[in-house]
Protein backbone atom coordinates (compact mmCIF):
# COMPACT_ATOMS: atom_id res chain seq x y z
CA MET A 1 0.00 0.00 0.00
CA PRO A 2 1.57 3.33 -1.02
CA ILE A 3 2.13 6.01 1.55
CA GLY A 4 -0.05 9.04 0.92
CA VAL A 5 0.20 12.64 1.96
CA ASN A 6 -2.37 14.12 4.28
CA VAL A 7 -3.25 17.20 2.21
CA THR A 8 -5.15 18.80 5.08
CA LYS A 9 -2.06 18.56 7.27
CA ALA A 10 0.10 19.85 4.39
CA LYS A 11 -2.16 22.91 4.11
CA ASP A 12 -1.84 23.53 7.85
CA LEU A 13 1.96 23.27 7.60
CA GLN A 14 1.98 25.68 4.66
CA LYS A 15 -0.07 28.18 6.66
CA ASP A 16 2.38 27.79 9.54
CA MET A 17 5.19 28.65 7.13
CA PHE A 18 3.25 31.74 6.00
CA ARG A 19 2.93 32.77 9.65
CA GLN A 20 6.63 32.24 10.38
CA VAL A 21 7.68 34.39 7.43
CA ARG A 22 5.17 37.14 8.04
CA THR A 23 6.14 37.62 11.70
CA SER A 24 9.39 39.45 10.94
CA LEU A 25 7.75 41.32 8.08
CA LEU A 26 5.02 42.59 10.40
CA GLU A 27 7.60 43.64 12.99
CA SER A 28 9.47 45.63 10.37
CA LEU A 29 6.25 47.25 9.20
CA ASP A 30 5.40 48.20 12.79
CA ILE A 31 8.60 50.25 12.83
CA ASP A 32 7.76 51.82 9.46
CA TYR A 33 4.30 52.70 10.76
CA GLN A 34 5.74 54.35 13.89
CA LYS A 35 8.13 56.40 11.76
CA ALA A 36 5.27 57.50 9.51
CA ASP A 37 3.20 58.34 12.58
CA GLU A 38 6.00 60.43 14.05
CA ALA A 39 6.35 62.25 10.73
CA ALA A 40 2.55 62.70 10.53
CA ASP A 41 2.68 61.09 7.07
CA ALA A 42 -0.88 59.84 6.58
CA SER A 43 -0.24 58.36 3.12
CA ALA A 44 2.74 56.34 4.39
CA LYS A 45 0.65 55.10 7.33
CA THR A 46 -2.09 54.02 4.91
CA ALA A 47 0.41 52.19 2.71
CA VAL A 48 1.95 50.38 5.68
CA ALA A 49 -1.48 49.46 7.02
CA ALA A 50 -2.41 47.96 3.63
CA LYS A 51 0.80 45.87 3.58
CA LYS A 52 0.13 44.66 7.12
CA GLN A 53 -3.42 43.66 6.20
CA ALA A 54 -2.16 41.75 3.16
CA LEU A 55 0.18 39.83 5.46
CA ARG A 56 -2.67 39.05 7.87
CA ASP A 57 -4.80 37.83 4.95
CA VAL A 58 -2.12 35.57 3.48
CA THR A 59 -3.45 32.48 5.28
CA ALA A 60 -6.90 32.97 3.73
CA ASN A 61 -5.68 31.82 0.34
CA ALA A 62 -8.17 30.45 -2.19
CA ALA A 63 -5.44 28.65 -4.15
CA LEU A 64 -4.31 26.87 -0.99
CA ASP A 65 -7.88 25.95 -0.12
CA ALA A 66 -8.37 24.52 -3.63
CA ALA A 67 -5.13 22.51 -3.64
CA SER A 68 -5.70 18.78 -3.70
CA THR A 69 -2.14 17.40 -3.83
CA ALA A 70 1.04 18.01 -1.86
CA ASP A 71 2.68 19.56 -4.94
CA GLU A 72 -0.21 21.99 -5.36
CA VAL A 73 0.02 22.95 -1.69
CA ARG A 74 3.78 23.44 -1.95
CA ALA A 75 3.32 25.64 -5.04
CA VAL A 76 1.15 28.16 -3.18
CA TRP A 77 3.33 31.11 -2.19
CA ASP A 78 2.43 34.77 -2.56
CA ALA A 79 5.85 36.26 -3.31
CA ASP A 80 4.32 39.72 -3.73
CA VAL A 81 3.30 39.67 -0.07
CA LEU A 82 5.76 37.28 1.57
CA GLY A 83 8.83 37.78 -0.58
CA ALA A 84 11.00 34.93 -1.79
CA ARG A 85 10.08 31.49 -0.56
CA PRO A 86 12.55 30.22 2.07
CA PRO A 87 14.52 27.11 1.17
CA GLU A 88 12.78 23.88 2.04
CA HIS A 89 14.14 21.45 4.56
CA THR A 90 15.14 18.10 3.19
């Protein structure tokens, strides 16, 4: 009997990876927001807030929800929001 991949678990692991990557990005954006706040730069604050919301929304990914194989799950990565995908562990 071949060993299968639990796609539901793979999706959860992919979301965990999203969360790991976004943590440092959110921390950096917090600093950018504070700088914009200190400078009273409303447009910069709005731009930072939009980036932060995109990072929060990254786990609500329709492509990930629709994935039905481990390869499809692995292929889901929003580089525009999360940046380059980190190297995978082997």
